[in-house]
Amino acid sequence: MAVIKVHDRWEQLFWIGIILKGLNGLLELIGGGLLLLVNPEHLHRWVVALTQSELNEDPNDVIASFLVHSSDSITGHAMLFSAIYLLAHGIVKVVLVGAVLKNKLWAYPWMIVVLLVFIGYQLYQIALQASVGMIALTIFDAFIVALTWREYRMKKG
């Protein structure tokens, strides 16, 4: 594996962001795989078991209540869609991040295009139902796009 030489703060932020994207991709692969292996009833029981002590302490806990409600309403089709969605995202991110880490010049434009597609979908989701997490992810992805573009231009010469 090539040694990455960092020349300035922006390049350092780029590499940190790329590594975070790769870790995110790995987590998506794990999550997608788990969703394929678990049926909705088992998922709901697992979430109830994990949140039970928190809800006993504070029955109005927003996050625990949201998780229990969400896991109760998920169907087999929704889990399959979520699994495929997470696996597809994870594979694309891991492959592109791996190529960028190996300094493959072709991967930079593809990383930008993929992230712009993700941003488009995230903006659609924000328009339907805004959440702090989705907004933060979209801002992070936009920042990574800008840093990737900068890095690509520098490497291309």
Protein backbone atom coordinates (compact mmCIF):
# COMPACT_ATOMS: atom_id res chain seq x y z
CA MET A 1 0.00 0.00 0.00
CA ALA A 2 1.30 3.42 -0.92
CA VAL A 3 2.26 5.84 1.82
CA ILE A 4 0.02 8.88 1.83
CA LYS A 5 1.93 12.13 2.17
CA VAL A 6 -0.14 14.99 3.55
CA HIS A 7 0.90 18.45 2.44
CA ASP A 8 -1.69 20.74 4.06
CA ARG A 9 -4.68 20.89 6.39
CA TRP A 10 -7.22 20.48 3.53
CA GLU A 11 -5.52 17.34 2.34
CA GLN A 12 -5.49 16.02 5.91
CA LEU A 13 -9.24 16.68 6.17
CA PHE A 14 -9.73 14.92 2.84
CA TRP A 15 -8.00 11.75 4.02
CA ILE A 16 -9.85 11.78 7.35
CA GLY A 17 -13.15 12.19 5.50
CA ILE A 18 -12.32 9.39 3.05
CA ILE A 19 -11.43 7.03 5.89
CA LEU A 20 -14.69 7.92 7.66
CA LYS A 21 -16.59 7.21 4.42
CA GLY A 22 -14.85 3.83 4.22
CA LEU A 23 -15.77 3.00 7.82
CA ASN A 24 -19.34 4.10 7.08
CA GLY A 25 -19.36 1.76 4.09
CA LEU A 26 -18.15 -1.14 6.26
CA LEU A 27 -20.88 -0.44 8.82
CA GLU A 28 -23.47 -0.36 6.02
CA LEU A 29 -22.23 -3.75 4.78
CA ILE A 30 -22.49 -5.20 8.29
CA GLY A 31 -25.93 -3.66 8.84
CA GLY A 32 -27.23 -4.82 5.47
CA GLY A 33 -25.94 -8.33 6.11
CA LEU A 34 -27.56 -8.43 9.54
CA LEU A 35 -30.89 -7.25 8.11
CA LEU A 36 -30.79 -10.17 5.66
CA LEU A 37 -30.26 -12.61 8.52
CA VAL A 38 -32.80 -11.28 11.04
CA ASN A 39 -36.58 -11.43 10.70
CA PRO A 40 -38.71 -8.41 11.76
CA GLU A 41 -40.05 -10.03 14.96
CA HIS A 42 -36.55 -10.87 16.21
CA LEU A 43 -35.38 -7.34 15.39
CA HIS A 44 -38.26 -5.83 17.36
CA ARG A 45 -37.59 -8.10 20.39
CA TRP A 46 -33.89 -7.20 20.25
CA VAL A 47 -34.64 -3.44 20.14
CA VAL A 48 -37.15 -3.77 23.02
CA ALA A 49 -34.56 -5.64 25.10
CA LEU A 50 -31.89 -3.00 24.39
CA THR A 51 -34.16 -0.04 25.20
CA GLN A 52 -36.14 -1.53 28.10
CA SER A 53 -33.95 -0.19 30.91
CA GLU A 54 -33.86 3.30 29.38
CA LEU A 55 -37.64 3.36 28.93
CA ASN A 56 -38.10 2.11 32.52
CA GLU A 57 -36.00 5.07 33.67
CA ASP A 58 -37.62 7.59 31.33
CA PRO A 59 -40.79 6.42 29.54
CA ASN A 60 -40.64 9.58 27.38
CA ASP A 61 -37.11 8.99 26.06
CA VAL A 62 -37.36 10.16 22.46
CA ILE A 63 -34.64 7.98 20.94
CA ALA A 64 -35.62 4.75 22.70
CA SER A 65 -39.31 5.32 21.92
CA PHE A 66 -38.48 6.03 18.27
CA LEU A 67 -36.41 2.85 17.99
CA VAL A 68 -39.13 0.67 19.55
CA HIS A 69 -41.85 2.22 17.39
CA SER A 70 -39.75 1.94 14.22
CA SER A 71 -38.80 -1.68 14.87
CA ASP A 72 -42.44 -2.56 15.57
CA SER A 73 -43.68 -1.17 12.27
CA ILE A 74 -41.00 -2.61 9.96
CA THR A 75 -42.12 -5.33 7.57
CA GLY A 76 -40.20 -8.07 5.79
CA HIS A 77 -40.29 -6.08 2.54
CA ALA A 78 -38.98 -2.96 4.27
CA MET A 79 -36.16 -4.96 5.83
CA LEU A 80 -35.26 -6.48 2.47
CA PHE A 81 -35.24 -3.03 0.82
CA SER A 82 -33.14 -1.64 3.68
CA ALA A 83 -30.71 -4.55 3.46
CA ILE A 84 -30.26 -4.16 -0.30
CA TYR A 85 -29.94 -0.39 0.06
CA LEU A 86 -27.28 -0.69 2.78
CA LEU A 87 -25.36 -3.42 0.95
CA ALA A 88 -25.33 -1.44 -2.31
CA HIS A 89 -24.20 1.74 -0.54
CA GLY A 90 -21.60 -0.15 1.45
CA ILE A 91 -20.11 -1.97 -1.54
CA VAL A 92 -19.86 1.21 -3.61
CA LYS A 93 -18.28 3.19 -0.77
CA VAL A 94 -15.79 0.49 0.20
CA VAL A 95 -14.68 -0.09 -3.41
CA LEU A 96 -14.30 3.63 -4.15
CA VAL A 97 -12.59 4.44 -0.86
CA GLY A 98 -10.20 1.52 -1.38
CA ALA A 99 -9.35 2.81 -4.86
CA VAL A 100 -8.85 6.37 -3.59
CA LEU A 101 -6.61 5.10 -0.79
CA LYS A 102 -4.54 3.35 -3.48
CA ASN A 103 -4.35 6.68 -5.36
CA LYS A 104 -6.30 5.40 -8.38
CA LEU A 105 -7.08 8.59 -10.30
CA TRP A 106 -10.23 7.13 -11.92
CA ALA A 107 -11.84 6.71 -8.47
CA TYR A 108 -11.92 10.43 -7.64
CA PRO A 109 -14.55 11.45 -10.25
CA TRP A 110 -16.56 8.33 -9.46
CA MET A 111 -16.46 9.19 -5.74
CA ILE A 112 -17.75 12.68 -6.57
CA VAL A 113 -20.56 11.35 -8.80
CA VAL A 114 -21.65 8.72 -6.27
CA LEU A 115 -21.66 11.21 -3.41
CA LEU A 116 -23.65 13.70 -5.51
CA VAL A 117 -26.24 10.99 -6.20
CA PHE A 118 -26.39 10.21 -2.47
CA ILE A 119 -26.73 13.93 -1.71
CA GLY A 120 -29.61 14.18 -4.20
CA TYR A 121 -31.42 11.30 -2.50
CA GLN A 122 -30.68 12.74 0.95
CA LEU A 123 -32.10 16.12 -0.09
CA TYR A 124 -35.24 14.32 -1.27
CA GLN A 125 -35.49 12.59 2.12
CA ILE A 126 -34.93 15.91 3.92
CA ALA A 127 -37.74 17.48 1.88
CA LEU A 128 -40.06 14.63 2.96
CA GLN A 129 -39.01 14.52 6.59
CA ALA A 130 -36.11 16.61 7.80
CA SER A 131 -33.84 15.18 10.46
CA VAL A 132 -30.71 16.55 12.05
CA GLY A 133 -28.81 13.36 11.21
CA MET A 134 -29.73 13.47 7.51
CA ILE A 135 -28.88 17.17 7.27
CA ALA A 136 -25.52 16.59 8.97
CA LEU A 137 -24.76 13.64 6.66
CA THR A 138 -25.62 15.74 3.61
CA ILE A 139 -23.37 18.58 4.74
CA PHE A 140 -20.56 16.09 5.44
CA ASP A 141 -20.99 14.48 2.01
CA ALA A 142 -20.95 17.91 0.31
CA PHE A 143 -17.74 18.75 2.18
CA ILE A 144 -16.17 15.45 1.04
CA VAL A 145 -17.22 16.19 -2.56
CA ALA A 146 -15.48 19.57 -2.40
CA LEU A 147 -12.35 18.08 -0.85
CA THR A 148 -12.32 15.21 -3.36
CA TRP A 149 -12.63 17.65 -6.26
CA ARG A 150 -9.74 19.71 -4.83
CA GLU A 151 -7.59 16.62 -4.34
CA TYR A 152 -8.41 15.30 -7.83
CA ARG A 153 -7.43 18.59 -9.47
CA MET A 154 -4.15 18.64 -7.53
CA LYS A 155 -3.27 15.03 -8.45
CA LYS A 156 -4.29 15.44 -12.07
CA GLY A 157 -2.00 18.41 -12.40
